[in-house]
Amino acid sequence: MKSKEKILAMQICECGEKSVAEAIEIFQNTSLPFKKAKKLVTECNKSCCRAALLKLFDMNQFGSFDFDEIDHLVEQRLERMKRLAEGA
């Protein structure tokens, strides 16, 4: 299990090059709906990191963060990207 600090430092999306901590800060400082708030984090329209960002957005709305779940979702995305790169 990773520490909270390591999870906060993880890159949540390659497109926007934002960390989990930066994504949380963006979500906390906006009242935009998910689709528009996601663009502030990713700076793109891709859906590669949608699952992790949606869960993070929901956690922000409820005021409680499950860092183990965030870690799991980011790791799943990285594994998916790795498999896609190996298959190409």
N, C-alpha and C. Protein backbone atom coordinates (compact mmCIF):
# COMPACT_ATOMS: atom_id res chain seq x y z
N MET A 1 0.85 -1.18 0.00
CA MET A 1 0.00 0.00 0.00
C MET A 1 0.89 1.24 0.00
N LYS A 2 0.61 2.15 -0.92
CA LYS A 2 1.39 3.38 -1.03
C LYS A 2 0.95 4.39 0.01
N SER A 3 1.86 5.28 0.34
CA SER A 3 1.52 6.34 1.29
C SER A 3 0.64 7.39 0.60
N LYS A 4 -0.06 8.15 1.41
CA LYS A 4 -0.93 9.21 0.90
C LYS A 4 -0.12 10.19 0.06
N GLU A 5 1.09 10.53 0.50
CA GLU A 5 1.93 11.48 -0.22
C GLU A 5 2.32 10.96 -1.60
N LYS A 6 2.63 9.66 -1.70
CA LYS A 6 2.99 9.07 -2.99
C LYS A 6 1.79 9.07 -3.94
N ILE A 7 0.62 8.78 -3.40
CA ILE A 7 -0.59 8.76 -4.23
C ILE A 7 -0.90 10.18 -4.71
N LEU A 8 -0.79 11.16 -3.84
CA LEU A 8 -1.04 12.56 -4.22
C LEU A 8 -0.05 13.03 -5.29
N ALA A 9 1.14 12.47 -5.32
CA ALA A 9 2.16 12.87 -6.28
C ALA A 9 2.02 12.14 -7.63
N MET A 10 1.21 11.08 -7.66
CA MET A 10 1.04 10.31 -8.90
C MET A 10 0.41 11.17 -9.98
N GLN A 11 0.82 10.92 -11.22
CA GLN A 11 0.24 11.64 -12.36
C GLN A 11 -1.10 10.99 -12.69
N ILE A 12 -2.16 11.79 -12.65
CA ILE A 12 -3.49 11.23 -12.89
C ILE A 12 -3.79 11.10 -14.38
N CYS A 13 -3.16 11.94 -15.20
CA CYS A 13 -3.37 11.88 -16.65
C CYS A 13 -2.15 12.45 -17.36
N GLU A 14 -1.68 11.74 -18.38
CA GLU A 14 -0.52 12.21 -19.12
C GLU A 14 -0.82 13.47 -19.92
N CYS A 15 -2.03 13.61 -20.39
CA CYS A 15 -2.38 14.74 -21.26
C CYS A 15 -2.14 16.08 -20.57
N GLY A 16 -2.70 16.25 -19.40
CA GLY A 16 -2.56 17.51 -18.69
C GLY A 16 -1.36 17.55 -17.76
N GLU A 17 -0.70 16.39 -17.60
CA GLU A 17 0.47 16.26 -16.73
C GLU A 17 0.21 16.77 -15.32
N LYS A 18 -1.00 16.53 -14.82
CA LYS A 18 -1.37 16.95 -13.47
C LYS A 18 -1.27 15.79 -12.51
N SER A 19 -0.91 16.09 -11.28
CA SER A 19 -0.85 15.08 -10.23
C SER A 19 -2.24 14.92 -9.61
N VAL A 20 -2.40 13.90 -8.80
CA VAL A 20 -3.66 13.68 -8.08
C VAL A 20 -3.94 14.90 -7.20
N ALA A 21 -2.91 15.42 -6.54
CA ALA A 21 -3.09 16.59 -5.66
C ALA A 21 -3.56 17.81 -6.45
N GLU A 22 -2.99 18.02 -7.64
CA GLU A 22 -3.40 19.16 -8.48
C GLU A 22 -4.84 18.99 -8.96
N ALA A 23 -5.21 17.76 -9.30
CA ALA A 23 -6.58 17.49 -9.74
C ALA A 23 -7.57 17.77 -8.60
N ILE A 24 -7.23 17.34 -7.39
CA ILE A 24 -8.09 17.60 -6.23
C ILE A 24 -8.25 19.11 -6.04
N GLU A 25 -7.15 19.83 -6.12
CA GLU A 25 -7.20 21.29 -5.94
C GLU A 25 -8.08 21.95 -7.00
N ILE A 26 -7.95 21.51 -8.24
CA ILE A 26 -8.79 22.07 -9.31
C ILE A 26 -10.26 21.78 -9.04
N PHE A 27 -10.58 20.53 -8.68
CA PHE A 27 -11.97 20.17 -8.41
C PHE A 27 -12.52 20.94 -7.21
N GLN A 28 -11.69 21.18 -6.21
CA GLN A 28 -12.15 21.90 -5.02
C GLN A 28 -12.39 23.38 -5.31
N ASN A 29 -11.71 23.91 -6.32
CA ASN A 29 -11.81 25.34 -6.61
C ASN A 29 -12.71 25.67 -7.79
N THR A 30 -13.56 24.74 -8.19
CA THR A 30 -14.48 25.00 -9.30
C THR A 30 -15.86 24.50 -8.95
N SER A 31 -16.84 25.16 -9.52
CA SER A 31 -18.22 24.70 -9.35
C SER A 31 -18.76 24.13 -10.67
N LEU A 32 -17.85 23.91 -11.62
CA LEU A 32 -18.24 23.39 -12.92
C LEU A 32 -18.67 21.93 -12.82
N PRO A 33 -19.52 21.49 -13.74
CA PRO A 33 -19.88 20.06 -13.79
C PRO A 33 -18.65 19.25 -14.21
N PHE A 34 -18.72 17.94 -14.00
CA PHE A 34 -17.57 17.06 -14.24
C PHE A 34 -16.94 17.25 -15.61
N LYS A 35 -17.72 17.24 -16.66
CA LYS A 35 -17.17 17.28 -18.02
C LYS A 35 -16.27 18.50 -18.23
N LYS A 36 -16.70 19.64 -17.72
CA LYS A 36 -15.90 20.86 -17.89
C LYS A 36 -14.75 20.92 -16.90
N ALA A 37 -14.98 20.43 -15.69
CA ALA A 37 -13.90 20.41 -14.69
C ALA A 37 -12.80 19.44 -15.12
N LYS A 38 -13.19 18.34 -15.75
CA LYS A 38 -12.22 17.36 -16.25
C LYS A 38 -11.29 18.00 -17.27
N LYS A 39 -11.83 18.86 -18.12
CA LYS A 39 -11.01 19.55 -19.12
C LYS A 39 -9.96 20.45 -18.47
N LEU A 40 -10.28 21.01 -17.30
CA LEU A 40 -9.31 21.83 -16.60
C LEU A 40 -8.11 20.99 -16.14
N VAL A 41 -8.37 19.73 -15.84
CA VAL A 41 -7.31 18.83 -15.38
C VAL A 41 -6.55 18.25 -16.57
N THR A 42 -7.28 17.71 -17.54
CA THR A 42 -6.64 16.98 -18.64
C THR A 42 -6.19 17.88 -19.78
N GLU A 43 -6.85 19.01 -19.95
CA GLU A 43 -6.58 19.92 -21.06
C GLU A 43 -6.82 19.25 -22.41
N CYS A 44 -7.71 18.23 -22.43
CA CYS A 44 -8.05 17.53 -23.67
C CYS A 44 -9.46 16.95 -23.58
N ASN A 45 -9.88 16.29 -24.64
CA ASN A 45 -11.20 15.66 -24.68
C ASN A 45 -11.11 14.14 -24.60
N LYS A 46 -9.93 13.59 -24.40
CA LYS A 46 -9.76 12.14 -24.37
C LYS A 46 -10.40 11.54 -23.12
N SER A 47 -10.63 10.24 -23.17
CA SER A 47 -11.26 9.56 -22.04
C SER A 47 -10.32 8.57 -21.35
N CYS A 48 -9.02 8.69 -21.59
CA CYS A 48 -8.06 7.73 -21.04
C CYS A 48 -8.04 7.70 -19.52
N CYS A 49 -8.30 8.81 -18.87
CA CYS A 49 -8.23 8.87 -17.41
C CYS A 49 -9.60 9.19 -16.80
N ARG A 50 -10.65 8.98 -17.56
CA ARG A 50 -11.99 9.35 -17.13
C ARG A 50 -12.42 8.66 -15.83
N ALA A 51 -12.17 7.37 -15.71
CA ALA A 51 -12.62 6.62 -14.52
C ALA A 51 -12.01 7.18 -13.24
N ALA A 52 -10.71 7.39 -13.25
CA ALA A 52 -10.03 7.91 -12.06
C ALA A 52 -10.49 9.33 -11.75
N LEU A 53 -10.63 10.15 -12.77
CA LEU A 53 -11.05 11.54 -12.54
C LEU A 53 -12.51 11.62 -12.08
N LEU A 54 -13.37 10.79 -12.63
CA LEU A 54 -14.77 10.80 -12.20
C LEU A 54 -14.88 10.39 -10.74
N LYS A 55 -14.14 9.36 -10.35
CA LYS A 55 -14.17 8.91 -8.96
C LYS A 55 -13.61 10.00 -8.05
N LEU A 56 -12.54 10.66 -8.47
CA LEU A 56 -11.94 11.74 -7.69
C LEU A 56 -12.90 12.92 -7.57
N PHE A 57 -13.59 13.23 -8.66
CA PHE A 57 -14.59 14.31 -8.66
C PHE A 57 -15.72 13.99 -7.68
N ASP A 58 -16.20 12.74 -7.72
CA ASP A 58 -17.27 12.32 -6.81
C ASP A 58 -16.80 12.37 -5.35
N MET A 59 -15.58 11.91 -5.11
CA MET A 59 -15.04 11.95 -3.75
C MET A 59 -14.96 13.39 -3.25
N ASN A 60 -14.57 14.29 -4.13
CA ASN A 60 -14.51 15.71 -3.77
C ASN A 60 -15.90 16.23 -3.41
N GLN A 61 -16.90 15.83 -4.17
CA GLN A 61 -18.28 16.27 -3.91
C GLN A 61 -18.75 15.81 -2.54
N PHE A 62 -18.34 14.60 -2.14
CA PHE A 62 -18.76 14.04 -0.86
C PHE A 62 -17.82 14.42 0.28
N GLY A 63 -16.67 15.04 -0.05
CA GLY A 63 -15.76 15.53 0.98
C GLY A 63 -14.89 14.48 1.64
N SER A 64 -14.77 13.31 1.02
CA SER A 64 -13.96 12.24 1.60
C SER A 64 -13.19 11.55 0.48
N PHE A 65 -11.89 11.36 0.68
CA PHE A 65 -11.06 10.76 -0.36
C PHE A 65 -10.55 9.39 0.08
N ASP A 66 -10.72 8.40 -0.79
CA ASP A 66 -10.22 7.05 -0.57
C ASP A 66 -8.96 6.90 -1.43
N PHE A 67 -7.80 7.15 -0.84
CA PHE A 67 -6.56 7.18 -1.60
C PHE A 67 -6.17 5.80 -2.13
N ASP A 68 -6.55 4.73 -1.45
CA ASP A 68 -6.28 3.39 -1.97
C ASP A 68 -7.05 3.15 -3.26
N GLU A 69 -8.29 3.60 -3.31
CA GLU A 69 -9.09 3.44 -4.52
C GLU A 69 -8.53 4.29 -5.66
N ILE A 70 -8.10 5.49 -5.35
CA ILE A 70 -7.49 6.36 -6.36
C ILE A 70 -6.25 5.68 -6.93
N ASP A 71 -5.41 5.16 -6.05
CA ASP A 71 -4.20 4.44 -6.47
C ASP A 71 -4.56 3.29 -7.38
N HIS A 72 -5.56 2.52 -7.00
CA HIS A 72 -5.99 1.37 -7.79
C HIS A 72 -6.45 1.80 -9.19
N LEU A 73 -7.23 2.86 -9.29
CA LEU A 73 -7.73 3.32 -10.58
C LEU A 73 -6.61 3.86 -11.47
N VAL A 74 -5.67 4.57 -10.89
CA VAL A 74 -4.54 5.09 -11.66
C VAL A 74 -3.68 3.92 -12.15
N GLU A 75 -3.45 2.94 -11.28
CA GLU A 75 -2.66 1.76 -11.67
C GLU A 75 -3.36 0.99 -12.79
N GLN A 76 -4.68 0.87 -12.72
CA GLN A 76 -5.43 0.19 -13.79
C GLN A 76 -5.23 0.90 -15.12
N ARG A 77 -5.28 2.22 -15.11
CA ARG A 77 -5.08 3.01 -16.33
C ARG A 77 -3.68 2.78 -16.87
N LEU A 78 -2.69 2.77 -16.00
CA LEU A 78 -1.31 2.55 -16.44
C LEU A 78 -1.13 1.16 -17.04
N GLU A 79 -1.76 0.16 -16.43
CA GLU A 79 -1.69 -1.21 -16.97
C GLU A 79 -2.37 -1.29 -18.34
N ARG A 80 -3.52 -0.64 -18.48
CA ARG A 80 -4.24 -0.62 -19.75
C ARG A 80 -3.39 0.03 -20.84
N MET A 81 -2.74 1.14 -20.50
CA MET A 81 -1.89 1.84 -21.46
C MET A 81 -0.68 0.96 -21.84
N LYS A 82 -0.14 0.25 -20.86
CA LYS A 82 1.00 -0.64 -21.10
C LYS A 82 0.61 -1.77 -22.04
N ARG A 83 -0.57 -2.37 -21.80
CA ARG A 83 -1.04 -3.46 -22.68
C ARG A 83 -1.28 -2.95 -24.10
N LEU A 84 -1.84 -1.75 -24.22
CA LEU A 84 -2.09 -1.18 -25.55
C LEU A 84 -0.77 -0.94 -26.28
N ALA A 85 0.22 -0.45 -25.55
CA ALA A 85 1.53 -0.18 -26.17
C ALA A 85 2.21 -1.48 -26.60
N GLU A 86 2.05 -2.53 -25.81
CA GLU A 86 2.66 -3.82 -26.16
C GLU A 86 1.98 -4.45 -27.36
N GLY A 87 0.69 -4.22 -27.53
CA GLY A 87 -0.07 -4.80 -28.62
C GLY A 87 0.14 -4.07 -29.94
N ALA A 88 0.66 -2.86 -29.87
CA ALA A 88 0.84 -2.06 -31.10
C ALA A 88 2.05 -2.45 -31.89
